[in-house]
Protein backbone atom coordinates (compact mmCIF):
# COMPACT_ATOMS: atom_id res chain seq x y z
CA UNK A 1 21.81 10.35 -25.66
CA UNK A 2 23.18 7.16 -24.14
CA UNK A 3 20.88 4.24 -23.42
CA UNK A 4 21.49 4.61 -19.66
CA UNK A 5 20.50 8.28 -19.76
CA UNK A 6 17.31 7.40 -21.64
CA UNK A 7 16.43 4.81 -18.99
CA UNK A 8 17.03 7.30 -16.16
CA UNK A 9 14.89 9.92 -17.90
CA UNK A 10 12.18 7.32 -18.54
CA UNK A 11 12.22 6.29 -14.85
CA UNK A 12 11.92 9.91 -13.68
CA UNK A 13 9.04 10.61 -16.06
CA UNK A 14 7.09 7.55 -14.88
CA UNK A 15 7.86 8.42 -11.24
CA UNK A 16 6.51 11.97 -11.62
CA UNK A 17 3.42 10.84 -13.54
CA UNK A 18 2.75 8.21 -10.87
CA UNK A 19 3.06 10.75 -8.08
CA UNK A 20 0.58 13.04 -9.81
CA UNK A 21 -1.83 10.16 -10.39
CA UNK A 22 -1.66 9.07 -6.75
CA UNK A 23 -2.28 12.63 -5.62
CA UNK A 24 -5.25 12.92 -7.97
CA UNK A 25 -6.77 9.66 -6.71
CA UNK A 26 -6.38 10.74 -3.08
CA UNK A 27 -8.26 13.99 -3.77
CA UNK A 28 -10.85 12.36 -6.03
CA UNK A 29 -11.53 9.59 -3.54
CA UNK A 30 -12.29 12.14 -0.87
CA UNK A 31 -14.77 13.86 -3.17
CA UNK A 32 -16.51 10.85 -4.67
CA UNK A 33 -16.12 8.33 -1.84
CA UNK A 34 -14.16 5.73 -3.81
CA UNK A 35 -13.54 3.53 -0.79
CA UNK A 36 -13.40 -0.18 -0.05
CA UNK A 37 -16.81 -1.90 -0.07
CA UNK A 38 -16.08 -4.08 2.98
CA UNK A 39 -15.16 -1.42 5.54
CA UNK A 40 -15.51 -3.96 8.35
CA UNK A 41 -12.69 -6.14 6.98
CA UNK A 42 -9.75 -6.81 9.27
CA UNK A 43 -6.96 -4.29 8.82
CA UNK A 44 -4.59 -2.63 11.25
CA UNK A 45 -5.95 0.85 10.53
CA UNK A 46 -9.05 2.43 8.99
CA UNK A 47 -10.59 0.78 5.92
CA UNK A 48 -12.18 4.03 4.79
CA UNK A 49 -9.11 5.46 3.07
CA UNK A 50 -8.78 5.52 -0.75
CA UNK A 51 -7.89 2.11 -2.20
CA UNK A 52 -6.91 2.95 -5.78
CA UNK A 53 -3.13 2.65 -5.52
CA UNK A 54 -3.31 -0.37 -7.80
CA UNK A 55 -4.79 1.74 -10.58
CA UNK A 56 -1.52 3.65 -10.84
CA UNK A 57 0.46 0.40 -10.77
CA UNK A 58 -1.56 -0.89 -13.70
CA UNK A 59 -1.35 2.43 -15.56
CA UNK A 60 2.43 2.43 -15.12
CA UNK A 61 2.56 -1.14 -16.39
CA UNK A 62 0.68 -0.08 -19.52
CA UNK A 63 2.97 2.95 -19.94
CA UNK A 64 6.00 0.69 -19.75
CA UNK A 65 4.53 -1.75 -22.24
CA UNK A 66 3.62 0.97 -24.74
CA UNK A 67 7.01 2.67 -24.31
CA UNK A 68 8.84 -0.52 -25.19
CA UNK A 69 6.78 -1.28 -28.25
CA UNK A 70 6.81 2.30 -29.55
CA UNK A 71 10.48 3.06 -29.03
CA UNK A 72 12.23 -0.31 -28.90
CA UNK A 73 10.64 -3.36 -30.49
CA UNK A 74 7.07 -3.31 -31.82
CA UNK A 75 7.43 -6.84 -33.18
CA UNK A 76 7.82 -8.29 -29.70
CA UNK A 77 4.21 -7.42 -28.81
CA UNK A 78 3.05 -10.68 -30.39
CA UNK A 79 5.41 -12.84 -28.35
CA UNK A 80 3.31 -15.38 -26.36
CA UNK A 81 5.03 -14.58 -23.05
CA UNK A 82 4.40 -10.85 -23.49
CA UNK A 83 0.76 -11.33 -24.42
CA UNK A 84 0.29 -13.69 -21.48
CA UNK A 85 1.90 -11.16 -19.12
CA UNK A 86 -0.42 -8.37 -20.28
CA UNK A 87 -3.46 -10.63 -19.95
CA UNK A 88 -2.55 -12.05 -16.53
CA UNK A 89 -1.75 -8.74 -14.84
CA UNK A 90 -4.97 -7.32 -16.31
CA UNK A 91 -6.91 -10.24 -14.83
CA UNK A 92 -5.20 -9.70 -11.47
CA UNK A 93 -5.98 -5.98 -11.45
CA UNK A 94 -9.62 -6.32 -12.52
CA UNK A 95 -10.25 -9.25 -10.20
CA UNK A 96 -8.84 -7.26 -7.27
CA UNK A 97 -10.84 -4.19 -8.24
CA UNK A 98 -14.03 -6.28 -8.32
CA UNK A 99 -13.24 -7.54 -4.83
CA UNK A 100 -12.67 -3.99 -3.58
CA UNK A 101 -15.95 -2.73 -5.00
CA UNK A 102 -18.18 -5.79 -4.53
CA UNK A 103 -16.55 -7.73 -1.64
CA UNK A 104 -16.32 -11.00 -3.61
CA UNK A 105 -15.89 -14.41 -1.88
CA UNK A 106 -12.44 -16.11 -1.68
CA UNK A 107 -13.46 -18.67 -4.30
CA UNK A 108 -13.92 -15.89 -6.86
CA UNK A 109 -10.29 -14.83 -6.51
CA UNK A 110 -9.01 -18.40 -6.46
CA UNK A 111 -10.63 -19.21 -9.82
CA UNK A 112 -8.97 -16.25 -11.52
CA UNK A 113 -5.63 -16.97 -9.85
CA UNK A 114 -5.70 -20.51 -11.22
CA UNK A 115 -6.72 -19.16 -14.63
CA UNK A 116 -3.76 -16.77 -14.53
CA UNK A 117 -1.36 -19.62 -13.84
CA UNK A 118 -2.82 -21.71 -16.67
CA UNK A 119 -2.46 -18.82 -19.12
CA UNK A 120 1.20 -18.45 -18.22
CA UNK A 121 1.80 -22.18 -18.59
CA UNK A 122 0.06 -22.21 -21.97
CA UNK A 123 2.24 -19.31 -23.18
CA UNK A 124 5.43 -21.11 -22.19
CA UNK A 125 6.17 -18.83 -19.24
CA UNK A 126 6.45 -21.39 -16.46
CA UNK A 127 9.00 -22.65 -13.94
CA UNK A 128 11.55 -24.92 -15.61
CA UNK A 129 13.34 -26.80 -12.86
CA UNK A 130 12.67 -30.49 -13.36
CA UNK A 131 12.82 -32.72 -16.43
CA UNK A 132 9.21 -33.76 -15.88
CA UNK A 133 7.17 -30.99 -17.46
CA UNK A 134 4.03 -31.82 -15.45
CA UNK A 135 5.90 -31.27 -12.19
CA UNK A 136 7.01 -27.90 -13.56
CA UNK A 137 3.41 -27.08 -14.46
CA UNK A 138 2.20 -28.01 -10.98
CA UNK A 139 4.96 -25.99 -9.34
CA UNK A 140 4.08 -22.98 -11.49
CA UNK A 141 0.40 -23.26 -10.56
CA UNK A 142 1.26 -23.47 -6.86
CA UNK A 143 3.69 -20.53 -7.09
CA UNK A 144 1.41 -18.15 -9.00
CA UNK A 145 -1.61 -18.79 -6.78
CA UNK A 146 0.57 -18.71 -3.66
CA UNK A 147 2.29 -15.40 -4.44
CA UNK A 148 -0.96 -13.69 -5.46
CA UNK A 149 -2.51 -14.72 -2.13
CA UNK A 150 0.65 -14.05 -0.13
CA UNK A 151 1.06 -10.42 -1.20
CA UNK A 152 -2.67 -9.88 -0.73
CA UNK A 153 -2.47 -11.23 2.83
CA UNK A 154 0.66 -9.22 3.62
CA UNK A 155 -1.11 -5.97 2.74
CA UNK A 156 -2.48 -5.42 6.24
CA UNK A 157 -0.32 -2.59 7.57
CA UNK A 158 0.93 0.68 6.12
CA UNK A 159 3.79 0.37 3.60
CA UNK A 160 4.66 -3.28 4.29
CA UNK A 161 3.68 -4.88 0.98
CA UNK A 162 4.83 -1.80 -0.94
CA UNK A 163 8.31 -1.74 0.59
CA UNK A 164 8.86 -5.51 0.55
CA UNK A 165 7.77 -5.78 -3.08
CA UNK A 166 10.02 -2.85 -3.97
CA UNK A 167 13.07 -4.73 -2.68
CA UNK A 168 12.19 -7.80 -4.77
CA UNK A 169 11.60 -5.70 -7.87
CA UNK A 170 14.83 -3.77 -7.37
CA UNK A 171 16.74 -7.06 -7.20
CA UNK A 172 14.92 -8.32 -10.28
CA UNK A 173 15.95 -5.21 -12.21
CA UNK A 174 19.59 -5.80 -11.29
CA UNK A 175 19.47 -9.37 -12.58
CA UNK A 176 17.76 -8.29 -15.80
CA UNK A 177 20.19 -5.41 -16.29
CA UNK A 178 23.39 -7.41 -15.76
CA UNK A 179 22.30 -10.48 -17.69
CA UNK A 180 22.29 -8.67 -21.02
CA UNK A 181 18.51 -8.33 -20.85
CA UNK A 182 18.31 -4.60 -20.08
CA UNK A 183 16.77 -3.87 -23.47
CA UNK A 184 14.08 -6.49 -22.98
CA UNK A 185 10.41 -5.75 -22.49
CA UNK A 186 10.38 -7.21 -18.98
CA UNK A 187 13.11 -4.82 -17.84
CA UNK A 188 11.31 -1.77 -19.26
CA UNK A 189 7.98 -2.78 -17.75
CA UNK A 190 9.51 -3.69 -14.38
CA UNK A 191 11.26 -0.32 -14.25
CA UNK A 192 7.93 1.46 -14.75
CA UNK A 193 6.20 -0.60 -12.05
CA UNK A 194 9.14 0.02 -9.70
CA UNK A 195 8.76 3.78 -10.23
CA UNK A 196 5.04 3.58 -9.45
CA UNK A 197 5.78 1.58 -6.27
CA UNK A 198 8.25 4.19 -5.04
CA UNK A 199 5.77 7.00 -5.75
CA UNK A 200 3.02 5.07 -3.94
CA UNK A 201 5.29 4.54 -0.93
CA UNK A 202 5.19 8.31 -0.37
CA UNK A 203 1.42 8.13 0.18
CA UNK A 204 1.38 4.67 1.78
CA UNK A 205 4.06 5.24 4.43
CA UNK A 206 2.64 5.44 7.93
CA UNK A 207 0.37 7.26 8.49
CA UNK A 208 -0.92 6.23 5.06
CA UNK A 209 -3.05 8.57 2.99
CA UNK A 210 -4.15 5.75 0.71
CA UNK A 211 -3.98 1.98 0.27
CA UNK A 212 -3.29 -0.13 -2.78
CA UNK A 213 -6.45 -2.18 -2.24
CA UNK A 214 -6.95 -5.67 -3.60
CA UNK A 215 -6.68 -4.13 -7.08
CA UNK A 216 -3.08 -3.28 -6.17
CA UNK A 217 -2.10 -6.40 -4.21
CA UNK A 218 -3.57 -8.77 -6.81
CA UNK A 219 -1.86 -6.86 -9.62
CA UNK A 220 1.43 -7.01 -7.75
CA UNK A 221 0.91 -10.69 -6.96
CA UNK A 222 0.41 -11.50 -10.63
CA UNK A 223 3.26 -9.28 -11.81
CA UNK A 224 5.73 -10.45 -9.17
CA UNK A 225 4.89 -14.09 -9.84
CA UNK A 226 5.79 -13.53 -13.50
CA UNK A 227 8.98 -11.57 -12.81
CA UNK A 228 10.11 -14.08 -10.20
CA UNK A 229 9.72 -16.93 -12.69
CA UNK A 230 11.87 -15.02 -15.19
CA UNK A 231 14.50 -13.90 -12.69
CA UNK A 232 14.71 -16.27 -9.72
CA UNK A 233 13.28 -19.56 -10.94
CA UNK A 234 14.56 -19.47 -14.52
CA UNK A 235 17.62 -17.34 -13.83
CA UNK A 236 19.91 -16.76 -16.83
CA UNK A 237 22.70 -18.64 -15.02
CA UNK A 238 20.43 -21.39 -13.66
CA UNK A 239 22.27 -24.01 -15.70
CA UNK A 240 25.28 -23.42 -13.44
CA UNK A 241 23.34 -24.63 -10.39
CA UNK A 242 21.62 -27.80 -9.28
CA UNK A 243 17.85 -28.15 -9.70
CA UNK A 244 17.27 -27.13 -6.09
CA UNK A 245 18.99 -23.76 -6.24
CA UNK A 246 16.04 -21.96 -7.89
CA UNK A 247 14.01 -22.93 -4.81
CA UNK A 248 16.66 -21.21 -2.70
CA UNK A 249 16.69 -18.05 -4.83
CA UNK A 250 12.90 -17.76 -4.81
CA UNK A 251 12.72 -18.32 -1.05
CA UNK A 252 15.41 -15.71 -0.36
CA UNK A 253 13.69 -13.08 -2.51
CA UNK A 254 10.26 -13.73 -0.97
CA UNK A 255 11.35 -14.62 2.55
CA UNK A 256 9.00 -12.14 4.26
CA UNK A 257 5.81 -12.91 2.26
CA UNK A 258 6.46 -16.66 2.45
CA UNK A 259 7.16 -16.54 6.19
CA UNK A 260 4.07 -14.47 6.90
CA UNK A 261 1.74 -16.63 4.81
CA UNK A 262 3.17 -19.84 6.27
CA UNK A 263 2.81 -18.57 9.84
CA UNK A 264 -0.77 -17.37 9.34
CA UNK A 265 -1.81 -20.58 7.56
CA UNK A 266 -0.27 -22.88 10.19
CA UNK A 267 -1.66 -20.94 13.14
CA UNK A 268 -5.17 -20.65 11.73
CA UNK A 269 -5.36 -24.31 10.71
CA UNK A 270 -4.22 -25.29 14.21
CA UNK A 271 -7.08 -23.20 15.58
CA UNK A 272 -9.53 -24.76 13.14
CA UNK A 273 -9.96 -21.49 11.21
CA UNK A 274 -9.85 -20.75 7.49
CA UNK A 275 -6.51 -19.25 6.32
CA UNK A 276 -8.44 -17.00 3.92
CA UNK A 277 -10.40 -15.07 6.54
CA UNK A 278 -8.84 -11.81 7.70
CA UNK A 279 -7.42 -11.38 11.17
CA UNK A 280 -4.85 -9.54 13.26
CA UNK A 281 -2.52 -12.50 13.57
CA UNK A 282 0.02 -11.71 10.87
CA UNK A 283 3.76 -11.31 11.39
CA UNK A 284 3.28 -7.56 11.12
CA UNK A 285 0.74 -7.52 13.94
CA UNK A 286 2.85 -9.66 16.27
CA UNK A 287 5.90 -7.45 15.72
CA UNK A 288 3.67 -4.56 16.76
CA UNK A 289 2.55 -6.51 19.84
CA UNK A 290 6.24 -6.72 20.79
CA UNK A 291 6.34 -2.93 20.89
CA UNK A 292 7.47 -1.88 17.41
CA UNK A 293 5.75 1.10 15.83
CA UNK A 294 4.02 0.69 12.48
CA UNK A 295 6.98 2.40 10.81
CA UNK A 296 9.33 0.16 12.75
CA UNK A 297 7.55 -2.97 11.53
CA UNK A 298 7.79 -1.77 7.92
CA UNK A 299 11.49 -0.96 8.32
CA UNK A 300 12.32 -4.34 9.90
CA UNK A 301 10.56 -6.35 7.20
CA UNK A 302 11.89 -4.13 4.42
CA UNK A 303 15.45 -4.56 5.70
CA UNK A 304 15.15 -8.34 6.07
CA UNK A 305 13.74 -8.79 2.59
CA UNK A 306 16.28 -6.39 1.06
CA UNK A 307 19.20 -8.30 2.58
CA UNK A 308 18.07 -11.72 1.41
CA UNK A 309 16.98 -10.48 -2.02
CA UNK A 310 20.41 -8.89 -2.38
CA UNK A 311 22.07 -12.19 -1.48
CA UNK A 312 19.94 -14.04 -4.05
CA UNK A 313 20.85 -11.50 -6.73
CA UNK A 314 24.55 -11.74 -5.87
CA UNK A 315 24.54 -15.51 -6.17
CA UNK A 316 22.62 -15.47 -9.45
CA UNK A 317 24.96 -12.93 -11.02
CA UNK A 318 28.07 -14.65 -9.64
CA UNK A 319 27.46 -18.39 -10.12
CA UNK A 320 31.14 -19.25 -9.65
CA UNK A 321 31.70 -17.18 -6.53
CA UNK A 322 33.15 -18.85 -3.45
CA UNK A 323 32.51 -16.06 -0.94
CA UNK A 324 29.06 -17.27 0.07
CA UNK A 325 27.96 -20.80 0.83
CA UNK A 326 24.55 -21.06 -0.80
CA UNK A 327 23.05 -23.48 1.67
CA UNK A 328 24.43 -21.58 4.67
CA UNK A 329 22.61 -18.48 3.41
CA UNK A 330 19.49 -20.59 2.93
CA UNK A 331 19.68 -21.92 6.50
CA UNK A 332 20.02 -18.38 7.85
CA UNK A 333 16.95 -17.31 5.85
CA UNK A 334 15.06 -20.33 7.14
CA UNK A 335 16.02 -19.44 10.72
CA UNK A 336 14.72 -15.92 10.14
CA UNK A 337 11.44 -17.37 8.90
CA UNK A 338 11.24 -19.68 11.92
CA UNK A 339 11.98 -16.75 14.22
CA UNK A 340 9.14 -14.74 12.69
CA UNK A 341 6.87 -17.73 13.25
CA UNK A 342 7.98 -18.11 16.89
CA UNK A 343 7.20 -14.44 17.44
CA UNK A 344 3.60 -15.14 16.40
CA UNK A 345 3.42 -17.77 19.15
CA UNK A 346 4.96 -15.81 22.02
CA UNK A 347 3.67 -12.27 21.49
CA UNK A 348 0.20 -11.37 22.66
CA UNK A 349 -2.18 -8.59 21.56
CA UNK A 350 -2.20 -5.51 23.74
CA UNK A 351 -5.36 -5.02 25.74
C-alpha cells in the first residue's frame, strides 16, 4: 500500500471511531446527566446539553500519537517538543474538564495557560521571530494564553469554534504535507484531531446535540497554539520572509478568533466590565442581531476564516510568488476584522 493510501485509511478509521464516540457520549450524557456545572452561564442556547466533545478530541489526539510511535517512529516519543505537546494538551483538556464540572474561577484557567506556555518554551517549542530570545519567549507566552482564551470565548454558538478551527487545521495539514513533513508526528496527530473535529461538527451543527465544553475549547486552544507555532509562526519557508511576515500569517489564519476576542475585550473594557465574564456581545451574537440565522453565522465565519487561512497557506508554500501582495492581503484581513468590530457597535439585540 502507498503511504497516501495508508493516510487516507487512517483518517477514515479515526473519523468513524470519533463518530461512534460522540454518539456514545450523547446517549450516555442523557442517561447519567453529564452536563455543564454552571448551567446559568451565558451561551446562545441551552447549557444543559452534553459537553464532552473535547473527550473525543483528546482521545483522537492520543490515537494519533500512539499510531505514529507504533507504526512510524517510536524513538521520536522522547523528543522534547513531542513530550511538551502531549503534556500541554493534557493540561488544557483536564483544566477545561475541571472548569466544566466544578465551575472554576478565571484565575484557575489563567495559571494553567501560563504553565502550558512555559512548558513549551522550556522544550524549545516557541515562536522564533526576533533575535532577542526573551522577546520570543514573551510573544510565545502571549500567543499561547491568548489563543487558549480566544477559542474558549468563541465557543458561544453552535458549530462556530468547531468550523473555524477546522479551517485552520486543514491549512496546517497542507503546509505540513507539502513541506516534506508529512511523515512527522505533528502531521499524524493533526490529521487525527482534524478527523475528530469533522465528526463532532455533525453533532455540533445547529441545532447542536452536544457541545465541546471547556474541556474541548481548552484542548483545542492548547493544540492550535502549538500547531500554529510550528506552521504559521515558524513556517518552513520563514527564512524567505522578513521578521514581520509570521505576524501576518498568524493573523490571517486566526482572523475570526482574533477579531472576536479583540472586539469583546475592547467593548467590555470601555463599559468598565471584565473581558473574562460571559455575555451575549460576541461577533457571533451581533451577526445574529443583524438577522443571520445561527447556521448563517457559522457559515459566514467559516468562509471568512477559510479564505484567509488559504491565503496564508498559499503564501507560505509559495514564498517567491508574485501573484499576491502580502501586505495588501493583510490590509484586507484587517479591514474584515474592523468591519466585524463595527458590527458589534451598530447592531442591537432583538427585544
